[in-house]
Amino acid sequence: MKKVTWFLTDEFPQLLEKLEADKSPIWGKMTAHHMVEHLSFVLRICNGKMEFPVLAAEEAIAKSKRHVFEYKNPFPKGLKAPFISEDLTPIEYQTMEESKTVLESELQAFFDHFKGKPANTSANHPILGPLNFEEWAFFQTKHISHHFSQFGVMEKEITPY
């Protein structure tokens, strides 16, 4: 788990700083600005600011969890969550710098949300079901590094095993 929290607390801010607003994606249609706001949205699901129902059936949850937590493969390029629109969502914050600041605060809110709570405290992921702090930290490390590699900020995704 130390590798996961180390990425989120130490490496993430340095990599985010390197991300430039005009950076083109290696794949996908999101702009760098859209990607930063997408990461903020997903963090709001696990930091207590936005409750999301579990949308998948139990069998699908188990299969999805195996793919995320057991297989050492990165997320496939172009993977799209079924609850996310095909169209790019409108940019919420006017500047990339403002969106980066919000992203950093959403990540801090994630740590704050779980701080001092029992280990079995969870927040729902729409596809993976209820996840505890360690599972969310693992997922976020994999998810954030997936998108950072999409924009060339990282050479490859982290598989936090």
C-alpha atoms as a PDB file:
ATOM      1  CA  MET A   1       0.000   0.000   0.000  1.00  0.00           C
ATOM      2  CA  LYS A   2       2.913   2.333   0.616  1.00  0.00           C
ATOM      3  CA  LYS A   3       3.687   2.379  -3.140  1.00  0.00           C
ATOM      4  CA  VAL A   4       0.123   3.504  -3.840  1.00  0.00           C
ATOM      5  CA  THR A   5      -0.073   6.289  -1.275  1.00  0.00           C
ATOM      6  CA  TRP A   6       3.464   7.396  -2.187  1.00  0.00           C
ATOM      7  CA  PHE A   7       2.370   7.926  -5.789  1.00  0.00           C
ATOM      8  CA  LEU A   8      -0.698   9.902  -4.735  1.00  0.00           C
ATOM      9  CA  THR A   9       1.069  12.074  -2.150  1.00  0.00           C
ATOM     10  CA  ASP A  10       4.558  12.506  -3.600  1.00  0.00           C
ATOM     11  CA  GLU A  11       4.719  11.756  -7.311  1.00  0.00           C
ATOM     12  CA  PHE A  12       1.251  12.930  -8.374  1.00  0.00           C
ATOM     13  CA  PRO A  13       1.778  16.662  -7.588  1.00  0.00           C
ATOM     14  CA  GLN A  14       5.073  16.731  -9.498  1.00  0.00           C
ATOM     15  CA  LEU A  15       3.540  15.006 -12.524  1.00  0.00           C
ATOM     16  CA  LEU A  16       0.464  17.244 -12.463  1.00  0.00           C
ATOM     17  CA  GLU A  17       2.715  20.285 -12.514  1.00  0.00           C
ATOM     18  CA  LYS A  18       4.343  18.989 -15.737  1.00  0.00           C
ATOM     19  CA  LEU A  19       0.993  18.638 -17.525  1.00  0.00           C
ATOM     20  CA  GLU A  20       0.463  21.489 -19.955  1.00  0.00           C
ATOM     21  CA  ALA A  21      -2.955  22.669 -21.117  1.00  0.00           C
ATOM     22  CA  ASP A  22      -2.054  22.421 -24.801  1.00  0.00           C
ATOM     23  CA  LYS A  23      -0.652  18.883 -24.563  1.00  0.00           C
ATOM     24  CA  SER A  24      -2.299  16.588 -27.121  1.00  0.00           C
ATOM     25  CA  PRO A  25      -3.421  13.125 -26.066  1.00  0.00           C
ATOM     26  CA  ILE A  26      -1.596  10.051 -27.342  1.00  0.00           C
ATOM     27  CA  TRP A  27      -5.038   8.415 -27.592  1.00  0.00           C
ATOM     28  CA  GLY A  28      -8.627   9.414 -26.880  1.00  0.00           C
ATOM     29  CA  LYS A  29     -10.500  12.643 -27.447  1.00  0.00           C
ATOM     30  CA  MET A  30     -10.189  14.377 -24.079  1.00  0.00           C
ATOM     31  CA  THR A  31      -8.069  17.486 -23.891  1.00  0.00           C
ATOM     32  CA  ALA A  32      -5.606  17.779 -21.009  1.00  0.00           C
ATOM     33  CA  HIS A  33      -8.031  20.193 -19.345  1.00  0.00           C
ATOM     34  CA  HIS A  34     -10.918  17.720 -19.730  1.00  0.00           C
ATOM     35  CA  MET A  35      -8.765  14.941 -18.300  1.00  0.00           C
ATOM     36  CA  VAL A  36      -7.904  16.960 -15.179  1.00  0.00           C
ATOM     37  CA  GLU A  37     -11.580  17.698 -14.591  1.00  0.00           C
ATOM     38  CA  HIS A  38     -12.452  14.030 -15.242  1.00  0.00           C
ATOM     39  CA  LEU A  39      -9.985  12.985 -12.522  1.00  0.00           C
ATOM     40  CA  SER A  40     -11.593  15.504 -10.136  1.00  0.00           C
ATOM     41  CA  PHE A  41     -15.032  14.057 -10.908  1.00  0.00           C
ATOM     42  CA  VAL A  42     -13.912  10.501 -10.106  1.00  0.00           C
ATOM     43  CA  LEU A  43     -12.218  11.665  -6.899  1.00  0.00           C
ATOM     44  CA  ARG A  44     -15.490  13.290  -5.780  1.00  0.00           C
ATOM     45  CA  ILE A  45     -17.083   9.832  -5.912  1.00  0.00           C
ATOM     46  CA  CYS A  46     -14.635   8.461  -3.332  1.00  0.00           C
ATOM     47  CA  ASN A  47     -14.075  11.523  -1.147  1.00  0.00           C
ATOM     48  CA  GLY A  48     -17.619  11.825   0.151  1.00  0.00           C
ATOM     49  CA  LYS A  49     -18.662  14.818  -1.959  1.00  0.00           C
ATOM     50  CA  MET A  50     -20.763  12.866  -4.432  1.00  0.00           C
ATOM     51  CA  GLU A  51     -22.628   9.658  -3.702  1.00  0.00           C
ATOM     52  CA  PHE A  52     -22.961   7.301  -6.602  1.00  0.00           C
ATOM     53  CA  PRO A  53     -25.075   4.153  -6.735  1.00  0.00           C
ATOM     54  CA  VAL A  54     -23.531   0.844  -7.724  1.00  0.00           C
ATOM     55  CA  LEU A  55     -24.677   0.335 -11.302  1.00  0.00           C
ATOM     56  CA  ALA A  56     -23.314  -3.158 -11.913  1.00  0.00           C
ATOM     57  CA  ALA A  57     -24.726  -6.552 -10.948  1.00  0.00           C
ATOM     58  CA  GLU A  58     -22.796  -8.672  -8.404  1.00  0.00           C
ATOM     59  CA  GLU A  59     -21.281 -10.952 -11.056  1.00  0.00           C
ATOM     60  CA  ALA A  60     -20.091  -7.965 -13.065  1.00  0.00           C
ATOM     61  CA  ILE A  61     -18.639  -6.347  -9.923  1.00  0.00           C
ATOM     62  CA  ALA A  62     -16.617  -9.473  -9.136  1.00  0.00           C
ATOM     63  CA  LYS A  63     -15.299  -9.682 -12.709  1.00  0.00           C
ATOM     64  CA  SER A  64     -14.435  -5.967 -12.797  1.00  0.00           C
ATOM     65  CA  LYS A  65     -12.656  -6.174  -9.431  1.00  0.00           C
ATOM     66  CA  ARG A  66     -10.520  -9.060 -10.707  1.00  0.00           C
ATOM     67  CA  HIS A  67      -9.501  -6.999 -13.742  1.00  0.00           C
ATOM     68  CA  VAL A  68      -8.600  -3.958 -11.652  1.00  0.00           C
ATOM     69  CA  PHE A  69      -7.104  -5.511  -8.520  1.00  0.00           C
ATOM     70  CA  GLU A  70      -5.748  -8.929  -9.506  1.00  0.00           C
ATOM     71  CA  TYR A  71      -4.491  -8.658 -13.065  1.00  0.00           C
ATOM     72  CA  LYS A  72      -1.289  -6.728 -13.448  1.00  0.00           C
ATOM     73  CA  ASN A  73      -2.342  -5.173 -16.724  1.00  0.00           C
ATOM     74  CA  PRO A  74      -2.860  -1.444 -17.129  1.00  0.00           C
ATOM     75  CA  PHE A  75      -6.288  -0.149 -18.128  1.00  0.00           C
ATOM     76  CA  PRO A  76      -6.869  -0.603 -21.867  1.00  0.00           C
ATOM     77  CA  LYS A  77      -6.450   2.506 -23.969  1.00  0.00           C
ATOM     78  CA  GLY A  78      -9.855   3.926 -24.809  1.00  0.00           C
ATOM     79  CA  LEU A  79     -11.601   2.176 -21.898  1.00  0.00           C
ATOM     80  CA  LYS A  80     -14.825   4.042 -21.228  1.00  0.00           C
ATOM     81  CA  ALA A  81     -16.898   3.755 -18.094  1.00  0.00           C
ATOM     82  CA  PRO A  82     -20.557   3.192 -19.008  1.00  0.00           C
ATOM     83  CA  PHE A  83     -21.703   6.028 -16.737  1.00  0.00           C
ATOM     84  CA  ILE A  84     -19.565   8.619 -18.566  1.00  0.00           C
ATOM     85  CA  SER A  85     -21.000  10.373 -21.616  1.00  0.00           C
ATOM     86  CA  GLU A  86     -19.612   9.732 -25.105  1.00  0.00           C
ATOM     87  CA  ASP A  87     -19.415  13.483 -25.552  1.00  0.00           C
ATOM     88  CA  LEU A  88     -16.872  15.618 -23.770  1.00  0.00           C
ATOM     89  CA  THR A  89     -18.437  17.330 -20.800  1.00  0.00           C
ATOM     90  CA  PRO A  90     -18.223  21.121 -20.704  1.00  0.00           C
ATOM     91  CA  ILE A  91     -15.185  22.506 -18.930  1.00  0.00           C
ATOM     92  CA  GLU A  92     -16.188  23.617 -15.436  1.00  0.00           C
ATOM     93  CA  TYR A  93     -13.214  25.841 -14.594  1.00  0.00           C
ATOM     94  CA  GLN A  94     -11.956  28.564 -16.872  1.00  0.00           C
ATOM     95  CA  THR A  95      -8.237  27.812 -16.656  1.00  0.00           C
ATOM     96  CA  MET A  96      -6.184  24.660 -16.492  1.00  0.00           C
ATOM     97  CA  GLU A  97      -4.426  26.023 -13.402  1.00  0.00           C
ATOM     98  CA  GLU A  98      -7.743  26.409 -11.602  1.00  0.00           C
ATOM     99  CA  SER A  99      -8.727  22.850 -12.593  1.00  0.00           C
ATOM    100  CA  LYS A 100      -5.365  21.533 -11.339  1.00  0.00           C
ATOM    101  CA  THR A 101      -5.890  23.290  -7.996  1.00  0.00           C
ATOM    102  CA  VAL A 102      -9.346  21.748  -7.699  1.00  0.00           C
ATOM    103  CA  LEU A 103      -7.925  18.314  -8.554  1.00  0.00           C
ATOM    104  CA  GLU A 104      -5.309  18.613  -5.822  1.00  0.00           C
ATOM    105  CA  SER A 105      -7.982  19.654  -3.315  1.00  0.00           C
ATOM    106  CA  GLU A 106     -10.218  16.713  -4.336  1.00  0.00           C
ATOM    107  CA  LEU A 107      -7.305  14.335  -3.747  1.00  0.00           C
ATOM    108  CA  GLN A 108      -6.690  15.873  -0.316  1.00  0.00           C
ATOM    109  CA  ALA A 109     -10.414  15.529   0.434  1.00  0.00           C
ATOM    110  CA  PHE A 110     -10.095  11.806  -0.377  1.00  0.00           C
ATOM    111  CA  PHE A 111      -7.412  11.378   2.292  1.00  0.00           C
ATOM    112  CA  ASP A 112      -9.384  13.519   4.743  1.00  0.00           C
ATOM    113  CA  HIS A 113     -12.603  11.571   4.103  1.00  0.00           C
ATOM    114  CA  PHE A 114     -11.066   8.262   5.199  1.00  0.00           C
ATOM    115  CA  LYS A 115      -8.711   9.613   7.893  1.00  0.00           C
ATOM    116  CA  GLY A 116      -9.438   8.206  11.342  1.00  0.00           C
ATOM    117  CA  LYS A 117     -12.258   5.974  10.118  1.00  0.00           C
ATOM    118  CA  PRO A 118     -12.404   2.186  10.484  1.00  0.00           C
ATOM    119  CA  ALA A 119     -10.603   0.195   7.773  1.00  0.00           C
ATOM    120  CA  ASN A 120     -13.905  -1.189   6.496  1.00  0.00           C
ATOM    121  CA  THR A 121     -15.333   2.287   5.753  1.00  0.00           C
ATOM    122  CA  SER A 122     -16.261   2.381   2.078  1.00  0.00           C
ATOM    123  CA  ALA A 123     -17.569   4.556  -0.731  1.00  0.00           C
ATOM    124  CA  ASN A 124     -19.325   3.181  -3.786  1.00  0.00           C
ATOM    125  CA  HIS A 125     -17.643   2.910  -7.139  1.00  0.00           C
ATOM    126  CA  PRO A 126     -20.349   2.646  -9.845  1.00  0.00           C
ATOM    127  CA  ILE A 127     -18.772  -0.457 -11.428  1.00  0.00           C
ATOM    128  CA  LEU A 128     -16.593  -1.925  -8.659  1.00  0.00           C
ATOM    129  CA  GLY A 129     -19.076  -1.585  -5.796  1.00  0.00           C
ATOM    130  CA  PRO A 130     -18.124  -0.477  -2.284  1.00  0.00           C
ATOM    131  CA  LEU A 131     -14.370   0.160  -1.951  1.00  0.00           C
ATOM    132  CA  ASN A 132     -12.389   0.900   1.199  1.00  0.00           C
ATOM    133  CA  PHE A 133      -9.523   3.400   1.417  1.00  0.00           C
ATOM    134  CA  GLU A 134      -6.849   0.961   0.241  1.00  0.00           C
ATOM    135  CA  GLU A 135      -8.934  -0.192  -2.705  1.00  0.00           C
ATOM    136  CA  TRP A 136      -9.775   3.378  -3.718  1.00  0.00           C
ATOM    137  CA  ALA A 137      -6.109   4.419  -3.388  1.00  0.00           C
ATOM    138  CA  PHE A 138      -5.111   1.472  -5.579  1.00  0.00           C
ATOM    139  CA  PHE A 139      -7.810   2.307  -8.140  1.00  0.00           C
ATOM    140  CA  GLN A 140      -6.949   6.024  -8.172  1.00  0.00           C
ATOM    141  CA  THR A 141      -3.241   5.284  -8.651  1.00  0.00           C
ATOM    142  CA  LYS A 142      -4.032   3.073 -11.613  1.00  0.00           C
ATOM    143  CA  HIS A 143      -6.629   5.508 -12.999  1.00  0.00           C
ATOM    144  CA  ILE A 144      -4.536   8.664 -12.630  1.00  0.00           C
ATOM    145  CA  SER A 145      -1.408   7.031 -14.052  1.00  0.00           C
ATOM    146  CA  HIS A 146      -3.520   5.736 -16.975  1.00  0.00           C
ATOM    147  CA  HIS A 147      -4.519   9.294 -17.881  1.00  0.00           C
ATOM    148  CA  PHE A 148      -1.085  10.751 -17.175  1.00  0.00           C
ATOM    149  CA  SER A 149       0.374   8.226 -19.630  1.00  0.00           C
ATOM    150  CA  GLN A 150      -2.369   9.246 -22.096  1.00  0.00           C
ATOM    151  CA  PHE A 151      -0.802  12.718 -22.139  1.00  0.00           C
ATOM    152  CA  GLY A 152       2.823  11.605 -21.994  1.00  0.00           C
ATOM    153  CA  VAL A 153       3.371  12.897 -18.461  1.00  0.00           C
ATOM    154  CA  MET A 154       4.313   9.327 -17.511  1.00  0.00           C
ATOM    155  CA  GLU A 155       5.983   6.833 -19.801  1.00  0.00           C
ATOM    156  CA  LYS A 156       3.693   4.020 -18.674  1.00  0.00           C
ATOM    157  CA  GLU A 157       0.973   3.362 -16.172  1.00  0.00           C
ATOM    158  CA  ILE A 158       1.692   2.233 -12.657  1.00  0.00           C
ATOM    159  CA  THR A 159       0.398  -1.183 -11.764  1.00  0.00           C
ATOM    160  CA  PRO A 160       0.555  -0.855  -7.955  1.00  0.00           C
ATOM    161  CA  TYR A 161       1.257  -4.464  -6.915  1.00  0.00           C
END
